[in-house]
N, C-alpha and C. Protein backbone atom coordinates (compact mmCIF):
# COMPACT_ATOMS: atom_id res chain seq x y z
N MET A 1 -35.08 32.71 69.20
CA MET A 1 -35.24 33.59 68.06
C MET A 1 -34.53 32.97 66.85
N ASN A 2 -35.24 32.87 65.76
CA ASN A 2 -34.71 32.25 64.56
C ASN A 2 -34.29 33.34 63.57
N ASN A 3 -33.03 33.36 63.21
CA ASN A 3 -32.50 34.38 62.30
C ASN A 3 -32.32 33.85 60.88
N ASN A 4 -33.17 32.94 60.45
CA ASN A 4 -33.03 32.37 59.12
C ASN A 4 -33.19 33.40 58.02
N LYS A 5 -33.92 34.48 58.28
CA LYS A 5 -34.09 35.50 57.25
C LYS A 5 -32.78 36.24 57.01
N GLN A 6 -31.98 36.39 58.06
CA GLN A 6 -30.70 37.07 57.90
C GLN A 6 -29.64 36.15 57.29
N HIS A 7 -29.63 34.91 57.71
CA HIS A 7 -28.65 33.95 57.24
C HIS A 7 -29.34 32.67 56.80
N PRO A 8 -29.84 32.67 55.58
CA PRO A 8 -30.56 31.47 55.14
C PRO A 8 -29.61 30.28 55.01
N GLN A 9 -30.14 29.10 55.27
CA GLN A 9 -29.34 27.88 55.13
C GLN A 9 -29.06 27.64 53.65
N LEU A 10 -27.84 27.25 53.37
CA LEU A 10 -27.43 26.93 52.02
C LEU A 10 -27.94 25.53 51.70
N GLU A 11 -28.83 25.43 50.73
CA GLU A 11 -29.38 24.13 50.37
C GLU A 11 -28.57 23.54 49.23
N LEU A 12 -27.86 22.47 49.52
CA LEU A 12 -27.01 21.83 48.53
C LEU A 12 -27.82 20.90 47.63
N PRO A 13 -27.51 20.88 46.34
CA PRO A 13 -28.21 19.98 45.44
C PRO A 13 -27.78 18.53 45.68
N ASN A 14 -28.65 17.61 45.33
CA ASN A 14 -28.29 16.20 45.49
C ASN A 14 -27.42 15.74 44.31
N ALA A 15 -26.84 14.57 44.43
CA ALA A 15 -25.91 14.06 43.42
C ALA A 15 -26.58 13.91 42.06
N ARG A 16 -27.82 13.47 42.04
CA ARG A 16 -28.52 13.28 40.77
C ARG A 16 -28.69 14.60 40.03
N LYS A 17 -29.04 15.64 40.76
CA LYS A 17 -29.23 16.95 40.14
C LYS A 17 -27.91 17.49 39.59
N ILE A 18 -26.84 17.29 40.33
CA ILE A 18 -25.52 17.74 39.88
C ILE A 18 -25.11 16.99 38.62
N ARG A 19 -25.28 15.67 38.63
CA ARG A 19 -24.90 14.86 37.47
C ARG A 19 -25.70 15.25 36.23
N ARG A 20 -26.99 15.48 36.39
CA ARG A 20 -27.84 15.86 35.26
C ARG A 20 -27.47 17.25 34.73
N SER A 21 -27.13 18.16 35.63
CA SER A 21 -26.73 19.50 35.21
C SER A 21 -25.42 19.46 34.43
N CYS A 22 -24.47 18.70 34.92
CA CYS A 22 -23.19 18.55 34.22
C CYS A 22 -23.41 17.97 32.83
N ASN A 23 -24.24 16.94 32.75
CA ASN A 23 -24.55 16.30 31.48
C ASN A 23 -25.17 17.30 30.51
N ARG A 24 -26.14 18.04 30.98
CA ARG A 24 -26.84 19.02 30.14
C ARG A 24 -25.89 20.11 29.64
N GLU A 25 -25.04 20.61 30.53
CA GLU A 25 -24.11 21.68 30.15
C GLU A 25 -23.09 21.18 29.13
N LEU A 26 -22.60 19.97 29.29
CA LEU A 26 -21.66 19.43 28.31
C LEU A 26 -22.35 19.15 26.98
N PHE A 27 -23.59 18.69 27.02
CA PHE A 27 -24.34 18.46 25.78
C PHE A 27 -24.50 19.76 25.00
N ARG A 28 -24.86 20.84 25.69
CA ARG A 28 -25.00 22.14 25.03
C ARG A 28 -23.67 22.62 24.46
N THR A 29 -22.60 22.35 25.18
CA THR A 29 -21.27 22.74 24.72
C THR A 29 -20.90 22.00 23.44
N ILE A 30 -21.18 20.70 23.41
CA ILE A 30 -20.87 19.89 22.22
C ILE A 30 -21.67 20.38 21.02
N LYS A 31 -22.93 20.71 21.24
CA LYS A 31 -23.76 21.22 20.13
C LYS A 31 -23.15 22.49 19.53
N ARG A 32 -22.62 23.35 20.37
CA ARG A 32 -22.05 24.59 19.88
C ARG A 32 -20.66 24.40 19.28
N LEU A 33 -19.96 23.36 19.70
CA LEU A 33 -18.66 23.05 19.09
C LEU A 33 -18.83 22.47 17.70
N LYS A 34 -19.95 21.82 17.47
CA LYS A 34 -20.24 21.17 16.18
C LYS A 34 -19.18 20.14 15.83
N VAL A 35 -18.84 19.31 16.83
CA VAL A 35 -17.93 18.19 16.62
C VAL A 35 -18.56 16.94 17.21
N TRP A 36 -18.10 15.79 16.73
CA TRP A 36 -18.60 14.53 17.27
C TRP A 36 -17.65 14.08 18.37
N ILE A 37 -18.22 13.82 19.53
CA ILE A 37 -17.44 13.33 20.67
C ILE A 37 -17.87 11.89 20.92
N PRO A 38 -16.94 10.93 20.90
CA PRO A 38 -17.30 9.54 21.17
C PRO A 38 -17.93 9.39 22.56
N PRO A 39 -18.87 8.47 22.70
CA PRO A 39 -19.55 8.29 23.98
C PRO A 39 -18.61 8.04 25.16
N GLU A 40 -17.50 7.34 24.93
CA GLU A 40 -16.55 7.08 26.01
C GLU A 40 -15.91 8.37 26.50
N GLN A 41 -15.57 9.25 25.56
CA GLN A 41 -14.95 10.53 25.93
C GLN A 41 -15.97 11.44 26.61
N LEU A 42 -17.21 11.39 26.17
CA LEU A 42 -18.26 12.18 26.80
C LEU A 42 -18.47 11.71 28.24
N ALA A 43 -18.52 10.40 28.44
CA ALA A 43 -18.70 9.85 29.79
C ALA A 43 -17.53 10.23 30.69
N ALA A 44 -16.32 10.19 30.16
CA ALA A 44 -15.14 10.57 30.96
C ALA A 44 -15.19 12.05 31.33
N ALA A 45 -15.62 12.89 30.39
CA ALA A 45 -15.73 14.33 30.66
C ALA A 45 -16.82 14.61 31.69
N GLU A 46 -17.94 13.89 31.59
CA GLU A 46 -19.01 14.06 32.57
C GLU A 46 -18.53 13.70 33.96
N LYS A 47 -17.80 12.61 34.07
CA LYS A 47 -17.28 12.18 35.38
C LYS A 47 -16.31 13.21 35.93
N LEU A 48 -15.41 13.69 35.07
CA LEU A 48 -14.44 14.69 35.48
C LEU A 48 -15.14 15.96 35.97
N TYR A 49 -16.08 16.45 35.18
CA TYR A 49 -16.81 17.67 35.52
C TYR A 49 -17.59 17.48 36.82
N TYR A 50 -18.26 16.34 36.95
CA TYR A 50 -19.03 16.04 38.16
C TYR A 50 -18.13 16.05 39.39
N LEU A 51 -16.96 15.42 39.30
CA LEU A 51 -16.04 15.37 40.43
C LEU A 51 -15.50 16.76 40.79
N LYS A 52 -15.27 17.59 39.77
CA LYS A 52 -14.80 18.96 40.04
C LYS A 52 -15.90 19.75 40.76
N VAL A 53 -17.15 19.59 40.33
CA VAL A 53 -18.25 20.30 40.98
C VAL A 53 -18.40 19.81 42.42
N ILE A 54 -18.37 18.50 42.62
CA ILE A 54 -18.48 17.95 43.98
C ILE A 54 -17.36 18.47 44.86
N GLY A 55 -16.16 18.57 44.32
CA GLY A 55 -15.02 19.06 45.08
C GLY A 55 -15.15 20.52 45.50
N ASN A 56 -15.92 21.27 44.76
CA ASN A 56 -16.11 22.70 45.06
C ASN A 56 -17.59 23.01 45.28
N LEU A 57 -18.32 22.06 45.81
CA LEU A 57 -19.77 22.17 45.91
C LEU A 57 -20.25 23.40 46.67
N ILE A 58 -19.65 23.69 47.79
CA ILE A 58 -20.08 24.84 48.59
C ILE A 58 -19.92 26.13 47.78
N TRP A 59 -18.74 26.31 47.19
CA TRP A 59 -18.48 27.52 46.41
C TRP A 59 -19.42 27.61 45.20
N VAL A 60 -19.58 26.50 44.49
CA VAL A 60 -20.45 26.49 43.31
C VAL A 60 -21.89 26.83 43.71
N THR A 61 -22.36 26.29 44.81
CA THR A 61 -23.72 26.56 45.27
C THR A 61 -23.87 28.02 45.72
N GLU A 62 -22.90 28.53 46.44
CA GLU A 62 -22.95 29.92 46.88
C GLU A 62 -22.98 30.89 45.71
N ASN A 63 -22.31 30.56 44.62
CA ASN A 63 -22.23 31.43 43.45
C ASN A 63 -23.15 30.96 42.32
N GLY A 64 -24.14 30.19 42.66
CA GLY A 64 -25.04 29.62 41.65
C GLY A 64 -25.77 30.63 40.80
N SER A 65 -25.99 31.82 41.32
CA SER A 65 -26.71 32.83 40.55
C SER A 65 -25.77 33.72 39.73
N ASN A 66 -24.47 33.53 39.87
CA ASN A 66 -23.50 34.34 39.14
C ASN A 66 -22.88 33.49 38.03
N ARG A 67 -23.53 33.49 36.89
CA ARG A 67 -23.09 32.64 35.77
C ARG A 67 -21.69 33.00 35.28
N LYS A 68 -21.36 34.28 35.28
CA LYS A 68 -20.04 34.69 34.82
C LYS A 68 -18.95 34.10 35.71
N LYS A 69 -19.16 34.18 37.01
CA LYS A 69 -18.18 33.64 37.96
C LYS A 69 -18.05 32.12 37.80
N LEU A 70 -19.18 31.44 37.60
CA LEU A 70 -19.15 29.98 37.40
C LEU A 70 -18.44 29.63 36.10
N ALA A 71 -18.70 30.40 35.04
CA ALA A 71 -18.04 30.13 33.76
C ALA A 71 -16.54 30.40 33.86
N ASP A 72 -16.14 31.42 34.61
CA ASP A 72 -14.72 31.68 34.82
C ASP A 72 -14.07 30.51 35.57
N TRP A 73 -14.77 29.99 36.59
CA TRP A 73 -14.26 28.83 37.32
C TRP A 73 -14.12 27.64 36.37
N TRP A 74 -15.12 27.42 35.53
CA TRP A 74 -15.09 26.31 34.59
C TRP A 74 -13.89 26.42 33.65
N ASP A 75 -13.63 27.66 33.18
CA ASP A 75 -12.48 27.88 32.29
C ASP A 75 -11.16 27.49 32.96
N GLU A 76 -11.04 27.78 34.25
CA GLU A 76 -9.80 27.51 34.96
C GLU A 76 -9.69 26.05 35.43
N ALA A 77 -10.78 25.51 35.97
CA ALA A 77 -10.72 24.21 36.64
C ALA A 77 -11.07 23.02 35.77
N VAL A 78 -11.95 23.21 34.80
CA VAL A 78 -12.48 22.08 34.05
C VAL A 78 -12.04 22.08 32.59
N ALA A 79 -12.08 23.21 31.94
CA ALA A 79 -11.83 23.29 30.50
C ALA A 79 -10.50 22.72 30.05
N PRO A 80 -9.39 22.98 30.75
CA PRO A 80 -8.11 22.44 30.24
C PRO A 80 -8.11 20.91 30.12
N GLU A 81 -8.68 20.23 31.10
CA GLU A 81 -8.68 18.76 31.08
C GLU A 81 -9.64 18.21 30.04
N ILE A 82 -10.79 18.85 29.88
CA ILE A 82 -11.75 18.38 28.89
C ILE A 82 -11.24 18.67 27.48
N ALA A 83 -10.57 19.81 27.29
CA ALA A 83 -10.00 20.13 25.97
C ALA A 83 -8.98 19.06 25.56
N LEU A 84 -8.16 18.62 26.50
CA LEU A 84 -7.20 17.55 26.20
C LEU A 84 -7.92 16.24 25.91
N LEU A 85 -8.92 15.94 26.71
CA LEU A 85 -9.66 14.69 26.54
C LEU A 85 -10.37 14.63 25.19
N TRP A 86 -10.98 15.74 24.80
CA TRP A 86 -11.74 15.79 23.55
C TRP A 86 -10.89 16.20 22.35
N ASN A 87 -9.65 16.58 22.59
CA ASN A 87 -8.75 17.01 21.52
C ASN A 87 -9.32 18.20 20.75
N VAL A 88 -9.75 19.22 21.49
CA VAL A 88 -10.24 20.47 20.91
C VAL A 88 -9.47 21.62 21.53
N GLU A 89 -9.51 22.76 20.86
CA GLU A 89 -8.84 23.94 21.39
C GLU A 89 -9.58 24.43 22.63
N GLN A 90 -8.81 24.77 23.65
CA GLN A 90 -9.43 25.21 24.91
C GLN A 90 -10.22 26.50 24.72
N ALA A 91 -9.74 27.40 23.89
CA ALA A 91 -10.45 28.66 23.67
C ALA A 91 -11.81 28.42 23.03
N LYS A 92 -11.86 27.51 22.05
CA LYS A 92 -13.14 27.18 21.40
C LYS A 92 -14.08 26.48 22.38
N LEU A 93 -13.53 25.58 23.18
CA LEU A 93 -14.32 24.87 24.18
C LEU A 93 -14.92 25.85 25.19
N SER A 94 -14.10 26.76 25.67
CA SER A 94 -14.57 27.75 26.64
C SER A 94 -15.63 28.66 26.04
N ALA A 95 -15.44 29.07 24.80
CA ALA A 95 -16.43 29.93 24.14
C ALA A 95 -17.75 29.18 23.95
N ALA A 96 -17.67 27.92 23.57
CA ALA A 96 -18.88 27.11 23.38
C ALA A 96 -19.60 26.90 24.71
N PHE A 97 -18.84 26.66 25.77
CA PHE A 97 -19.45 26.48 27.09
C PHE A 97 -20.15 27.76 27.54
N ARG A 98 -19.46 28.89 27.39
CA ARG A 98 -20.08 30.17 27.81
C ARG A 98 -21.33 30.47 27.00
N ASP A 99 -21.30 30.16 25.72
CA ASP A 99 -22.47 30.40 24.88
C ASP A 99 -23.65 29.55 25.35
N GLY A 100 -23.41 28.31 25.68
CA GLY A 100 -24.48 27.43 26.13
C GLY A 100 -24.89 27.65 27.57
N PHE A 101 -23.93 28.07 28.39
CA PHE A 101 -24.17 28.22 29.83
C PHE A 101 -24.73 29.59 30.17
N GLY A 102 -24.34 30.59 29.39
CA GLY A 102 -24.84 31.94 29.64
C GLY A 102 -23.92 32.77 30.52
N GLY A 103 -22.64 32.51 30.48
CA GLY A 103 -21.72 33.26 31.33
C GLY A 103 -20.75 34.01 30.50
């Protein structure tokens, strides 16, 4: 007896999809910040964000439909380091991310 309807398998995204999503979300954030970020800093932020998502992949995938929860996680786990890297205020960065991400 197969109980997949009760407990569906969690389908994890592949690395390419995660990397592209991180890139897209950071691009939207930069557009809303209305600041110029050097390509080296953008690449470093993408790598940092990608590694944070990979580190919490199960949780991020399980909560994929809850944008508010994901944005809250981003504020705690990712925003402080990217704010330092980009030399922007964390509050503005978080607001720009939420505006672009929808959380």
